[in-house]
Protein backbone atom coordinates (compact mmCIF):
# COMPACT_ATOMS: atom_id res chain seq x y z
CA UNK A 1 -0.03 0.17 0.09
CA UNK A 2 3.00 2.42 0.95
CA UNK A 3 4.48 1.90 -2.66
CA UNK A 4 1.40 2.56 -4.63
CA UNK A 5 1.16 5.93 -2.76
CA UNK A 6 4.69 7.20 -2.65
CA UNK A 7 4.69 6.12 -6.45
CA UNK A 8 1.38 8.34 -6.88
CA UNK A 9 2.60 10.96 -4.68
CA UNK A 10 6.22 10.92 -6.59
CA UNK A 11 4.51 11.33 -10.02
CA UNK A 12 2.80 14.24 -9.09
CA UNK A 13 6.52 15.63 -8.05
CA UNK A 14 7.86 14.79 -11.06
CA UNK A 15 5.07 16.78 -12.84
CA UNK A 16 5.55 19.69 -10.85
CA UNK A 17 9.33 19.53 -11.47
CA UNK A 18 8.58 19.44 -15.33
CA UNK A 19 6.38 22.40 -15.26
CA UNK A 20 9.01 24.05 -13.15
CA UNK A 21 11.68 23.55 -15.52
CA UNK A 22 9.33 25.11 -17.95
CA UNK A 23 9.22 28.23 -15.85
CA UNK A 24 5.64 27.52 -14.97
CA UNK A 25 4.21 29.37 -12.16
CA UNK A 26 0.46 28.80 -11.48
CA UNK A 27 -0.99 30.27 -8.26
CA UNK A 28 -4.49 29.02 -7.42
CA UNK A 29 -7.05 32.14 -6.59
CA UNK A 30 -7.91 32.96 -3.09
CA UNK A 31 -11.75 32.30 -3.78
CA UNK A 32 -10.94 28.91 -5.28
CA UNK A 33 -8.99 26.25 -3.58
CA UNK A 34 -9.20 23.22 -6.36
CA UNK A 35 -12.30 23.34 -8.09
CA UNK A 36 -11.23 26.63 -10.03
CA UNK A 37 -7.86 24.92 -10.60
CA UNK A 38 -9.69 22.35 -12.41
CA UNK A 39 -11.90 24.73 -14.25
CA UNK A 40 -8.77 26.37 -15.62
CA UNK A 41 -7.56 23.00 -16.49
CA UNK A 42 -10.38 22.31 -18.63
CA UNK A 43 -10.39 25.69 -20.21
CA UNK A 44 -6.88 25.26 -21.36
CA UNK A 45 -7.98 21.71 -23.06
CA UNK A 46 -10.70 23.20 -25.21
CA UNK A 47 -10.13 22.54 -28.69
CA UNK A 48 -8.00 25.30 -30.28
CA UNK A 49 -10.32 25.90 -33.70
CA UNK A 50 -13.00 27.15 -30.94
CA UNK A 51 -13.87 30.76 -31.16
CA UNK A 52 -13.70 32.58 -27.85
CA UNK A 53 -17.12 34.03 -26.54
CA UNK A 54 -17.30 37.63 -27.39
CA UNK A 55 -16.58 39.60 -24.42
CA UNK A 56 -19.53 41.44 -22.82
CA UNK A 57 -18.90 45.32 -22.00
CA UNK A 58 -17.94 45.43 -18.50
CA UNK A 59 -20.23 48.16 -16.30
CA UNK A 60 -18.29 51.44 -15.34
CA UNK A 61 -19.58 54.94 -13.89
CA UNK A 62 -18.40 58.41 -13.44
CA UNK A 63 -18.97 60.65 -10.56
CA UNK A 64 -18.06 64.40 -9.60
CA UNK A 65 -16.81 67.14 -11.81
CA UNK A 66 -13.27 66.45 -11.91
CA UNK A 67 -11.97 70.38 -11.33
CA UNK A 68 -9.95 68.73 -8.21
CA UNK A 69 -8.47 65.68 -10.63
CA UNK A 70 -9.52 62.16 -11.05
CA UNK A 71 -9.61 58.62 -9.11
CA UNK A 72 -9.67 55.66 -10.46
CA UNK A 73 -11.81 52.75 -8.67
CA UNK A 74 -11.63 49.05 -9.47
CA UNK A 75 -14.49 46.72 -8.37
CA UNK A 76 -16.34 43.62 -9.27
CA UNK A 77 -19.00 43.97 -11.55
CA UNK A 78 -21.57 43.20 -9.35
CA UNK A 79 -20.94 46.27 -6.88
CA UNK A 80 -20.18 48.91 -9.63
CA UNK A 81 -23.52 50.34 -9.57
CA UNK A 82 -23.47 50.13 -5.83
CA UNK A 83 -20.02 51.87 -5.33
CA UNK A 84 -20.94 54.74 -7.60
CA UNK A 85 -23.94 55.19 -5.70
CA UNK A 86 -22.24 55.25 -2.36
CA UNK A 87 -19.37 57.36 -3.85
CA UNK A 88 -22.05 59.91 -4.62
CA UNK A 89 -23.12 60.16 -1.02
CA UNK A 90 -19.33 60.59 0.18
CA UNK A 91 -18.52 63.35 -2.16
CA UNK A 92 -22.06 65.23 -1.17
CA UNK A 93 -21.22 65.11 2.36
CA UNK A 94 -17.61 65.59 1.79
CA UNK A 95 -17.34 68.97 0.03
CA UNK A 96 -13.55 69.34 0.46
CA UNK A 97 -13.38 66.47 -1.97
CA UNK A 98 -16.44 67.30 -4.32
CA UNK A 99 -14.01 68.30 -7.08
CA UNK A 100 -12.80 64.98 -7.87
CA UNK A 101 -14.01 63.01 -10.75
CA UNK A 102 -14.22 59.32 -9.57
CA UNK A 103 -14.35 56.74 -12.43
CA UNK A 104 -15.83 53.39 -11.15
CA UNK A 105 -14.38 50.40 -13.46
CA UNK A 106 -15.34 46.90 -13.63
CA UNK A 107 -12.41 44.64 -12.54
CA UNK A 108 -12.77 41.68 -10.47
CA UNK A 109 -11.07 41.09 -7.32
CA UNK A 110 -8.85 38.03 -9.09
CA UNK A 111 -7.92 40.16 -11.63
CA UNK A 112 -6.98 43.47 -9.94
CA UNK A 113 -3.59 42.23 -8.31
CA UNK A 114 -2.09 41.01 -11.44
CA UNK A 115 -2.95 44.08 -13.47
CA UNK A 116 -1.72 46.32 -10.83
CA UNK A 117 1.47 44.60 -10.47
CA UNK A 118 2.20 44.38 -14.39
CA UNK A 119 1.66 48.58 -14.14
CA UNK A 120 1.15 50.20 -10.95
CA UNK A 121 1.31 53.77 -12.27
CA UNK A 122 -1.65 53.16 -14.83
CA UNK A 123 -3.56 51.15 -12.01
CA UNK A 124 -6.46 52.00 -10.11
CA UNK A 125 -6.03 54.30 -7.01
CA UNK A 126 -8.48 52.36 -5.20
CA UNK A 127 -9.03 48.54 -5.99
CA UNK A 128 -10.54 45.50 -4.24
CA UNK A 129 -8.84 42.30 -3.97
CA UNK A 130 -8.35 39.20 -2.56
CA UNK A 131 -6.15 38.66 0.53
CA UNK A 132 -3.86 36.10 -0.84
CA UNK A 133 -2.36 38.84 -3.02
CA UNK A 134 -1.52 41.21 -0.72
CA UNK A 135 2.08 40.35 -0.18
CA UNK A 136 2.81 40.55 -3.95
CA UNK A 137 1.24 44.09 -3.93
CA UNK A 138 3.21 45.49 -1.04
CA UNK A 139 6.27 43.90 -2.83
CA UNK A 140 5.36 45.47 -5.89
CA UNK A 141 4.68 49.26 -4.47
CA UNK A 142 1.43 49.02 -5.08
CA UNK A 143 -0.09 49.43 -1.51
CA UNK A 144 -0.30 52.49 0.68
CA UNK A 145 -0.27 51.62 4.52
CA UNK A 146 -3.71 52.40 5.94
CA UNK A 147 -4.42 56.04 7.08
CA UNK A 148 -2.70 56.30 10.44
CA UNK A 149 -5.60 58.53 11.42
CA UNK A 150 -7.81 56.17 11.02
CA UNK A 151 -5.63 53.14 11.94
CA UNK A 152 -7.05 52.25 15.11
CA UNK A 153 -10.50 52.56 14.22
CA UNK A 154 -10.15 50.18 11.26
CA UNK A 155 -8.69 47.69 13.65
CA UNK A 156 -11.27 47.76 16.35
CA UNK A 157 -14.13 47.82 13.77
CA UNK A 158 -13.33 44.91 12.02
CA UNK A 159 -12.47 41.23 12.99
CA UNK A 160 -9.54 39.82 13.71
CA UNK A 161 -9.65 37.44 10.90
CA UNK A 162 -9.91 40.35 8.24
CA UNK A 163 -7.29 42.38 9.94
CA UNK A 164 -4.74 39.64 9.84
CA UNK A 165 -5.34 39.24 6.29
CA UNK A 166 -4.67 42.74 5.43
CA UNK A 167 -1.49 42.82 7.44
CA UNK A 168 2.20 42.37 6.24
CA UNK A 169 4.54 42.13 8.89
CA UNK A 170 3.32 44.46 11.64
CA UNK A 171 1.72 47.35 8.96
CA UNK A 172 -1.85 47.37 8.00
CA UNK A 173 -1.82 47.81 4.31
CA UNK A 174 -5.56 47.41 3.30
CA UNK A 175 -9.30 48.13 4.59
CA UNK A 176 -11.24 45.00 5.20
CA UNK A 177 -14.39 44.66 2.94
CA UNK A 178 -15.71 41.15 3.79
CA UNK A 179 -15.27 38.09 5.96
CA UNK A 180 -17.50 35.83 3.49
CA UNK A 181 -15.30 33.15 2.11
CA UNK A 182 -14.59 29.78 3.91
CA UNK A 183 -16.59 26.82 4.98
CA UNK A 184 -18.50 25.63 7.81
CA UNK A 185 -21.40 22.93 8.92
CA UNK A 186 -24.61 22.91 7.37
CA UNK A 187 -27.03 20.15 8.96
CA UNK A 188 -30.47 18.88 9.61
CA UNK A 189 -31.37 19.37 13.31
CA UNK A 190 -33.87 16.83 13.25
CA UNK A 191 -31.01 14.24 12.63
CA UNK A 192 -27.80 15.96 14.31
CA UNK A 193 -28.70 17.13 17.81
CA UNK A 194 -25.29 18.39 18.86
CA UNK A 195 -22.95 19.79 15.86
CA UNK A 196 -19.55 20.44 18.31
CA UNK A 197 -18.17 17.19 17.78
CA UNK A 198 -17.28 15.23 14.63
CA UNK A 199 -18.09 11.91 16.63
CA UNK A 200 -21.25 12.83 17.68
CA UNK A 201 -22.42 14.37 14.17
CA UNK A 202 -21.09 10.78 12.70
CA UNK A 203 -22.97 8.89 15.26
CA UNK A 204 -26.39 10.71 14.73
CA UNK A 205 -26.02 10.37 10.88
CA UNK A 206 -25.17 6.79 11.20
CA UNK A 207 -28.29 6.00 13.76
CA UNK A 208 -30.41 7.60 11.31
CA UNK A 209 -29.13 6.48 8.22
CA UNK A 210 -28.32 9.47 6.86
CA UNK A 211 -25.02 10.79 5.29
CA UNK A 212 -22.18 13.28 5.97
CA UNK A 213 -20.25 14.87 3.34
CA UNK A 214 -16.64 16.41 3.35
CA UNK A 215 -14.45 16.82 0.51
CA UNK A 216 -11.50 15.14 1.72
CA UNK A 217 -9.74 15.28 -1.46
CA UNK A 218 -9.43 18.52 -1.67
CA UNK A 219 -6.47 20.82 -0.62
CA UNK A 220 -9.00 23.59 0.20
CA UNK A 221 -11.35 21.29 2.47
CA UNK A 222 -8.35 18.84 3.86
CA UNK A 223 -6.65 21.89 5.85
CA UNK A 224 -9.44 21.50 8.26
CA UNK A 225 -7.64 18.73 10.04
CA UNK A 226 -4.13 19.37 9.34
CA UNK A 227 -4.37 23.17 10.59
CA UNK A 228 -6.79 22.10 13.45
CA UNK A 229 -4.05 19.68 14.60
CA UNK A 230 -1.26 22.41 14.58
CA UNK A 231 0.49 21.77 10.82
CA UNK A 232 1.73 24.48 9.01
CA UNK A 233 1.34 24.82 5.07
CA UNK A 234 2.21 27.83 3.77
CA UNK A 235 4.77 29.75 1.12
CA UNK A 236 6.38 32.86 0.71
CA UNK A 237 6.81 34.67 -2.31
CA UNK A 238 9.14 37.52 -4.10
CA UNK A 239 7.61 40.40 -5.70
CA UNK A 240 7.01 38.39 -9.03
CA UNK A 241 5.10 36.14 -7.19
CA UNK A 242 7.56 33.28 -7.72
CA UNK A 243 7.65 30.90 -4.50
CA UNK A 244 10.64 31.48 -2.58
CA UNK A 245 10.31 29.62 0.61
CA UNK A 246 7.60 26.55 2.03
CA UNK A 247 6.72 26.13 5.08
CA UNK A 248 5.25 22.54 5.92
CA UNK A 249 5.24 20.52 8.81
CA UNK A 250 2.69 17.72 7.52
CA UNK A 251 5.30 15.27 8.39
CA UNK A 252 5.14 15.33 12.13
CA UNK A 253 2.85 13.77 14.98
CA UNK A 254 0.11 16.31 14.48
CA UNK A 255 -0.07 15.40 10.72
CA UNK A 256 -0.33 11.60 11.57
CA UNK A 257 -3.27 12.71 14.08
CA UNK A 258 -4.77 14.90 11.42
CA UNK A 259 -4.46 11.93 8.71
CA UNK A 260 -5.95 9.18 11.20
CA UNK A 261 -8.75 11.51 11.62
CA UNK A 262 -9.37 11.91 7.78
CA UNK A 263 -9.09 8.23 7.61
CA UNK A 264 -11.62 7.48 10.65
CA UNK A 265 -13.98 10.01 8.69
CA UNK A 266 -13.59 8.01 5.85
CA UNK A 267 -14.38 4.65 7.40
CA UNK A 268 -17.86 5.93 8.87
CA UNK A 269 -20.71 4.35 7.16
CA UNK A 270 -22.33 7.87 6.68
CA UNK A 271 -19.18 9.54 5.12
CA UNK A 272 -19.54 10.66 1.23
CA UNK A 273 -16.95 13.02 -0.43
CA UNK A 274 -18.08 15.83 -1.44
CA UNK A 275 -18.78 19.55 -0.87
CA UNK A 276 -21.92 20.53 -2.89
CA UNK A 277 -25.40 20.03 -1.31
CA UNK A 278 -27.03 20.39 -4.66
CA UNK A 279 -25.26 17.13 -5.80
CA UNK A 280 -25.69 15.31 -2.16
CA UNK A 281 -28.37 12.64 -1.51
CA UNK A 282 -29.79 11.37 1.64
CA UNK A 283 -27.79 13.98 3.55
CA UNK A 284 -27.84 14.94 7.21
CA UNK A 285 -24.79 17.14 7.27
CA UNK A 286 -22.57 18.89 5.10
CA UNK A 287 -19.27 21.11 5.14
CA UNK A 288 -19.78 23.51 2.72
CA UNK A 289 -19.86 27.55 1.77
CA UNK A 290 -22.47 30.37 1.89
CA UNK A 291 -22.67 30.18 -1.89
CA UNK A 292 -24.73 27.15 -1.26
CA UNK A 293 -27.12 28.32 1.42
CA UNK A 294 -30.13 29.00 -0.49
CA UNK A 295 -30.02 25.05 -1.54
CA UNK A 296 -28.92 24.22 1.71
CA UNK A 297 -32.06 25.77 3.05
CA UNK A 298 -34.47 24.27 0.04
CA UNK A 299 -32.94 20.49 1.09
CA UNK A 300 -33.16 20.95 5.00
CA UNK A 301 -36.37 22.83 5.05
CA UNK A 302 -37.69 23.43 8.43
CA UNK A 303 -34.61 21.46 9.76
CA UNK A 304 -32.23 23.98 8.43
CA UNK A 305 -29.35 24.94 10.66
CA UNK A 306 -25.49 26.18 10.39
CA UNK A 307 -22.71 25.89 12.83
CA UNK A 308 -19.13 26.30 12.96
CA UNK A 309 -16.96 23.37 12.21
CA UNK A 310 -17.02 20.76 14.77
CA UNK A 311 -14.01 19.41 17.06
CA UNK A 312 -11.92 16.01 16.21
CA UNK A 313 -10.28 13.73 18.13
CA UNK A 314 -6.84 12.21 17.34
CA UNK A 315 -6.04 8.80 18.41
CA UNK A 316 -4.70 9.80 21.77
CA UNK A 317 -7.90 11.21 22.72
CA UNK A 318 -6.93 14.78 22.43
CA UNK A 319 -9.88 17.39 20.71
CA UNK A 320 -8.76 19.55 18.14
CA UNK A 321 -10.89 22.47 16.49
CA UNK A 322 -11.61 21.92 12.85
CA UNK A 323 -9.48 24.89 10.86
CA UNK A 324 -8.95 25.34 7.36
CA UNK A 325 -8.59 28.24 5.16
CA UNK A 326 -10.61 31.68 5.01
CA UNK A 327 -11.14 34.08 2.57
CA UNK A 328 -11.41 38.00 2.68
CA UNK A 329 -12.08 40.87 0.41
CA UNK A 330 -9.34 43.70 1.23
CA UNK A 331 -9.88 47.43 -0.31
CA UNK A 332 -6.24 48.96 -1.19
CA UNK A 333 -5.10 52.46 -1.99
CA UNK A 334 -2.49 52.92 -4.62
CA UNK A 335 0.87 55.46 -3.13
CA UNK A 336 0.31 58.88 -4.37
CA UNK A 337 2.66 61.64 -5.49
CA UNK A 338 -0.16 64.26 -4.86
CA UNK A 339 -0.95 64.79 -0.67
CA UNK A 340 -4.22 66.04 -1.57
CA UNK A 341 -5.21 63.04 -3.82
CA UNK A 342 -3.88 60.48 -1.38
CA UNK A 343 -6.11 62.07 1.48
CA UNK A 344 -8.94 61.81 -0.71
CA UNK A 345 -8.50 58.22 -1.58
CA UNK A 346 -7.84 57.29 1.96
CA UNK A 347 -10.96 58.99 3.12
CA UNK A 348 -13.11 57.61 0.31
CA UNK A 349 -11.24 54.26 0.89
CA UNK A 350 -12.11 54.41 4.96
CA UNK A 351 -15.91 55.04 3.61
CA UNK A 352 -16.33 52.39 1.35
CA UNK A 353 -15.05 49.63 3.66
CA UNK A 354 -17.17 51.48 6.83
CA UNK A 355 -19.40 49.29 8.64
CA UNK A 356 -22.49 51.36 7.20
CA UNK A 357 -21.36 50.49 3.76
CA UNK A 358 -20.64 47.05 4.38
CA UNK A 359 -24.19 46.52 5.84
CA UNK A 360 -26.16 47.94 2.92
CA UNK A 361 -23.76 46.13 0.48
CA UNK A 362 -24.91 43.17 2.37
CA UNK A 363 -28.25 43.95 1.69
CA UNK A 364 -27.76 44.81 -2.26
CA UNK A 365 -25.25 41.94 -3.29
CA UNK A 366 -24.87 39.73 -0.04
CA UNK A 367 -21.55 40.07 0.74
CA UNK A 368 -20.90 39.28 4.15
CA UNK A 369 -19.54 41.93 6.56
CA UNK A 370 -16.13 41.95 7.98
CA UNK A 371 -16.97 45.05 10.25
CA UNK A 372 -18.22 43.73 13.63
CA UNK A 373 -21.13 46.64 14.22
CA UNK A 374 -22.50 45.30 11.07
CA UNK A 375 -21.75 41.23 11.73
CA UNK A 376 -24.24 42.03 14.86
CA UNK A 377 -27.14 43.83 13.10
CA UNK A 378 -30.70 42.15 13.02
CA UNK A 379 -30.24 41.84 9.29
CA UNK A 380 -26.90 39.96 9.27
CA UNK A 381 -27.49 38.11 12.34
CA UNK A 382 -30.60 36.69 10.84
CA UNK A 383 -28.43 35.14 8.35
CA UNK A 384 -27.54 32.19 10.27
CA UNK A 385 -25.25 30.86 7.32
CA UNK A 386 -23.27 34.15 7.76
CA UNK A 387 -23.24 33.90 11.23
CA UNK A 388 -21.70 30.33 11.34
CA UNK A 389 -18.97 31.08 8.95
CA UNK A 390 -18.24 34.42 11.28
CA UNK A 391 -17.70 31.83 14.15
CA UNK A 392 -15.96 29.28 11.96
CA UNK A 393 -13.33 32.43 10.50
CA UNK A 394 -12.19 32.68 14.20
CA UNK A 395 -10.23 29.54 13.71
CA UNK A 396 -9.11 29.78 10.22
CA UNK A 397 -6.00 30.96 8.20
CA UNK A 398 -6.29 33.62 5.87
CA UNK A 399 -5.36 31.80 2.43
CA UNK A 400 -2.23 32.86 0.79
CA UNK A 401 -0.62 32.21 -2.57
CA UNK A 402 -0.12 27.86 -3.21
CA UNK A 403 1.50 26.35 -6.41
CA UNK A 404 -1.03 25.05 -8.79
CA UNK A 405 0.42 21.49 -8.18
CA UNK A 406 -0.27 21.70 -4.58
CA UNK A 407 -3.95 21.18 -5.33
CA UNK A 408 -3.40 17.91 -7.12
CA UNK A 409 -1.40 16.71 -5.00
CA UNK A 410 -3.47 17.38 -1.97
CA UNK A 411 -6.04 15.63 -4.13
CA UNK A 412 -4.13 12.20 -4.49
CA UNK A 413 -3.61 12.26 -0.58
CA UNK A 414 -6.96 12.34 -0.20
CA UNK A 415 -7.62 9.84 -2.62
CA UNK A 416 -5.21 7.34 -1.14
CA UNK A 417 -7.51 7.64 1.70
CA UNK A 418 -10.70 7.05 -0.31
CA UNK A 419 -9.28 4.14 -1.95
CA UNK A 420 -8.05 2.75 1.11
CA UNK A 421 -4.28 2.49 0.29
CA UNK A 422 -4.12 4.30 3.66
CA UNK A 423 -6.53 3.03 6.49
CA UNK A 424 -6.91 2.46 10.09
CA UNK A 425 -4.69 -0.63 9.66
CA UNK A 426 -1.80 1.36 8.21
CA UNK A 427 0.87 1.88 10.84
CA UNK A 428 2.03 4.93 12.00
CA UNK A 429 5.44 4.66 10.08
CA UNK A 430 3.24 4.14 6.98
CA UNK A 431 1.33 7.25 7.64
CA UNK A 432 4.42 9.22 8.04
CA UNK A 433 6.11 7.78 5.40
CA UNK A 434 3.04 9.04 3.02
CA UNK A 435 3.10 12.56 4.76
CA UNK A 436 6.75 13.10 4.38
CA UNK A 437 6.64 12.35 0.72
CA UNK A 438 3.90 15.01 0.63
CA UNK A 439 5.68 17.18 2.25
CA UNK A 440 9.04 16.95 0.28
CA UNK A 441 6.73 17.44 -2.86
CA UNK A 442 5.33 20.70 -1.24
CA UNK A 443 8.71 21.72 -0.59
CA UNK A 444 10.15 21.00 -3.89
CA UNK A 445 7.98 23.42 -5.38
CA UNK A 446 10.17 26.25 -4.17
CA UNK A 447 13.56 24.65 -5.65
């Protein structure tokens, strides 16, 4: 069994080495995990003769008269009109900045960082981006630190996870916009009586003849076990986004404990591999995200309930809180040579990322606030999925950049559990050998 797994993982390492030799560097998007990597790969395999789809015109808006200068703002398509309306309110309430013309353009969080790094000068003055890009943006000189006049307010007003995501070293480089990307537990409260422990959830599901879903062959979801047990898996990059250092501690007692817990889960008769409730059958509990909240409500009906992820026990009976990745949207300000323009950009960014605007943005497009007051509003608290995610994000790690090959390697590790190559009958030495191969392969991506 060990030889099969090692050969599978080593094969992945050889593919990585070949890609590295060709100069390839493929980082998974912060909001993606393995699924978007699969989608990208599928797109690359499309027949060459297919004509590309005609691009739709991106929405944009302009606010202000321009007598004091221009400010360019990049936000996602879905919030261009919302952002323009909020900027109108800001300019009306702040006559000192009313002379600026603000151009709002549709550039998604996944594209903004790459565009900024390519040409900082031509990029936006204020832009939203995914938190995994912050180190590259700082290194490229594309982010101003948060205005010292509002620094304490930003830190106190937003949740801990979003502040961590906006921080590089000891400096806060961005204004948190959302805390709404991650995974937690949806469950049928008529079946699952206590969602606080994995063992209890599985026992309830088994007794009811129902299924528990989690995607253990996903590099995004399986970190819930490894990070929960105390392992590290992170990468450092240079200003070009090249991976320079891997910090991996999977080949450890903590890693073995996590792997044993994954194996125990997989061997429950209630377990099913998956993370999309719309594709689940006979389901009583599932680890999924806010994007599936409406489907989960349809599936569970009056018994719909949500909670943070449960704890799990290792082989020695020690209890660990499941962790994983968290995702955040941030708003950055580009350094300016004109002090008056910088003051306007700082004030506008602070306003757009403020609690009142975050709450209005939630009401209009459903983005989950990072602002603690907005999180505690009646509207957001009534959203049980967002409330469960907010609780879970206290235990997660903001997702940084990862080599594209990490995701397929993690799939191989999870599949070795699903197909029985690693099982409860595997020795600790076998488990450690698999984790050592996994760790060395992760480390090889920066060599």
